[in-house]
Protein backbone atom coordinates (compact mmCIF):
# COMPACT_ATOMS: atom_id res chain seq x y z
CA MET A 1 163.48 105.05 140.33
CA GLY A 2 165.54 101.93 140.06
CA ASN A 3 162.52 99.65 140.26
CA THR A 4 160.05 99.03 137.47
CA VAL A 5 156.71 100.83 137.79
CA ILE A 6 153.64 99.08 136.41
CA TRP A 7 150.96 101.56 135.31
CA SER A 8 147.23 100.93 135.19
CA CYS A 9 144.06 102.96 134.76
CA LYS A 10 140.84 101.44 136.07
CA ARG A 11 137.22 102.41 136.48
CA PHE A 12 135.88 102.16 140.03
CA ASP A 13 134.05 98.91 139.29
CA GLU A 14 137.30 97.39 138.02
CA LEU A 15 139.18 98.05 141.27
CA SER A 16 139.69 95.09 143.55
CA THR A 17 139.05 95.57 147.24
CA ASP A 18 142.84 95.44 147.70
CA ASP A 19 143.26 98.21 145.07
CA LEU A 20 140.68 100.40 146.78
CA TYR A 21 142.18 99.81 150.22
CA ALA A 22 145.69 100.68 148.95
CA ILE A 23 144.41 103.85 147.25
CA LEU A 24 142.54 105.10 150.31
CA GLN A 25 145.44 104.19 152.58
CA LEU A 26 147.98 106.08 150.42
CA ARG A 27 145.75 109.13 150.06
CA SER A 28 145.13 109.21 153.82
CA GLU A 29 148.82 108.65 154.62
CA ILE A 30 149.86 111.68 152.58
CA PHE A 31 146.94 114.11 152.55
CA VAL A 32 145.63 113.60 156.08
CA VAL A 33 148.59 112.42 158.17
CA GLU A 34 151.69 113.87 156.46
CA GLN A 35 150.09 117.17 155.45
CA ASP A 36 148.14 117.36 158.72
CA CYS A 37 144.96 118.22 156.85
CA VAL A 38 141.64 117.09 158.21
CA TYR A 39 139.21 116.84 155.28
CA GLN A 40 136.72 114.44 153.73
CA ASP A 41 138.81 112.47 151.22
CA VAL A 42 135.97 110.09 150.37
CA ASP A 43 133.96 112.75 148.54
CA GLY A 44 131.59 110.87 146.22
CA PHE A 45 133.72 111.38 143.10
CA ASP A 46 135.61 108.08 143.21
CA GLN A 47 132.78 105.96 141.82
CA GLY A 48 132.65 107.90 138.54
CA ALA A 49 136.39 108.43 138.22
CA LEU A 50 139.26 106.68 136.50
CA HIS A 51 142.03 105.65 138.88
CA VAL A 52 145.64 105.81 137.67
CA MET A 53 147.95 103.64 139.73
CA GLY A 54 151.68 103.10 139.68
CA HIS A 55 152.78 99.91 141.41
CA LEU A 56 156.35 98.85 142.04
CA ALA A 57 156.84 95.47 140.42
CA ALA A 58 156.62 92.55 142.84
CA ALA A 59 159.80 91.92 144.78
CA GLU A 60 161.90 88.91 143.90
CA ASP A 61 160.88 87.37 147.20
CA GLY A 62 157.34 87.11 145.83
CA GLY A 63 155.93 90.07 147.74
CA ALA A 64 152.91 91.80 146.27
CA PRO A 65 153.35 94.90 144.08
CA GLN A 66 153.23 98.08 146.19
CA LEU A 67 151.11 101.09 145.23
CA ILE A 68 153.71 103.86 144.97
CA CYS A 69 151.70 106.66 143.31
CA TYR A 70 148.19 107.52 142.24
CA THR A 71 145.91 110.08 140.57
CA ARG A 72 142.17 110.35 140.05
CA LEU A 73 140.79 111.42 136.67
CA LEU A 74 137.38 113.06 136.40
CA ALA A 75 135.39 113.35 133.18
CA PRO A 76 134.55 116.70 131.60
CA GLY A 77 131.76 118.48 133.46
CA VAL A 78 132.21 116.64 136.75
CA LYS A 79 134.35 119.22 138.55
CA TYR A 80 135.40 121.60 135.78
CA LYS A 81 134.23 122.25 132.23
CA GLY A 82 136.98 119.97 130.94
CA ALA A 83 138.51 116.83 132.39
CA SER A 84 140.51 117.03 135.60
CA ILE A 85 143.36 115.28 137.36
CA GLY A 86 143.33 115.26 141.13
CA ARG A 87 144.39 113.41 144.28
CA VAL A 88 147.95 113.41 142.87
CA VAL A 89 150.03 111.50 145.37
CA SER A 90 153.30 109.60 145.64
CA ARG A 91 154.90 107.85 148.58
CA LYS A 92 157.39 109.96 150.46
CA SER A 93 160.11 107.35 149.80
CA ALA A 94 159.71 107.86 146.04
CA ARG A 95 159.88 111.65 145.89
CA GLY A 96 162.75 113.28 144.06
CA SER A 97 163.10 110.27 141.77
CA GLY A 98 161.15 111.61 138.78
CA LEU A 99 158.16 109.47 139.66
CA GLY A 100 155.85 112.49 140.07
CA LYS A 101 156.58 113.62 136.51
CA ALA A 102 156.10 110.07 135.20
CA LEU A 103 152.80 109.82 137.10
CA MET A 104 151.52 113.08 135.61
CA LEU A 105 152.61 112.12 132.09
CA GLN A 106 150.76 108.80 132.45
CA SER A 107 147.71 110.60 133.85
CA LEU A 108 147.71 113.14 131.01
CA ALA A 109 147.98 110.32 128.47
CA PHE A 110 145.12 108.33 130.04
CA SER A 111 142.98 111.48 130.26
CA ARG A 112 143.60 112.34 126.59
CA GLN A 113 142.88 108.72 125.63
CA HIS A 114 139.47 108.80 127.34
CA TRP A 115 138.54 112.43 126.62
CA PRO A 116 140.44 113.58 123.53
CA GLU A 117 140.31 117.23 122.51
CA THR A 118 139.28 118.22 126.05
CA ALA A 119 141.09 120.71 128.25
CA ILE A 120 142.51 119.32 131.49
CA THR A 121 142.25 121.35 134.69
CA ILE A 122 143.91 120.79 138.04
CA SER A 123 143.66 122.35 141.48
CA ALA A 124 147.35 122.39 142.36
CA GLN A 125 149.00 123.06 145.67
CA GLN A 126 150.59 126.45 145.09
CA TYR A 127 154.12 125.33 145.99
CA LEU A 128 153.99 122.89 143.04
CA GLN A 129 153.20 125.60 140.47
CA LYS A 130 156.63 125.37 138.80
CA PHE A 131 156.36 121.55 138.56
CA TYR A 132 153.00 121.76 136.78
CA THR A 133 154.11 124.67 134.58
CA GLU A 134 156.98 122.46 133.34
CA LEU A 135 154.31 119.90 132.32
CA GLY A 136 152.53 122.51 130.18
CA PHE A 137 149.90 123.77 132.61
CA GLU A 138 149.20 127.49 132.87
CA THR A 139 147.98 129.28 136.00
CA GLN A 140 144.30 130.24 135.73
CA SER A 141 143.56 131.71 139.17
CA GLU A 142 144.91 133.61 142.10
CA PRO A 143 145.85 131.45 145.10
CA TYR A 144 142.88 130.19 147.12
CA ASP A 145 142.50 128.16 150.29
CA GLU A 146 141.51 124.52 149.91
CA ASP A 147 141.39 122.61 153.19
CA GLY A 148 143.90 124.99 154.77
CA ILE A 149 146.48 124.68 151.96
CA PRO A 150 147.08 127.39 149.29
CA HIS A 151 146.03 126.10 145.83
CA ILE A 152 145.83 127.50 142.30
CA ARG A 153 143.71 126.40 139.37
CA MET A 154 145.78 125.45 136.32
CA SER A 155 144.85 124.26 132.82
């Protein structure tokens, strides 16, 4: 991406109302509207999670930084034995720019910083298997249905 991305990782109680609104809006825009998937995104895990956000730096005209990508990190034992990265999302306008890889590398680093020596598991959309394999993940399950979309567990 030509623009500078500002990375942050915050606990739920550190999120501003604007942060939370932007996160829920982006997740809904992609997972519910774009992927035409009706599911309960607000699932009770957000309050105990770490939230990794990538914002585009504020425009020269003084506009606010825009949330461009996001992941949610869960501690070991919350969803899987180890830590997990989920709700991986980037704006459609940013895809194909390398931002997804940068987001995952940031998320892996934050996860290892908070839970060192812990395996990291993801529930990946099956079509992204090659992308996650290139980041070092290995397939751990056969494909399964999650909210009408084929997924695989990877660690």
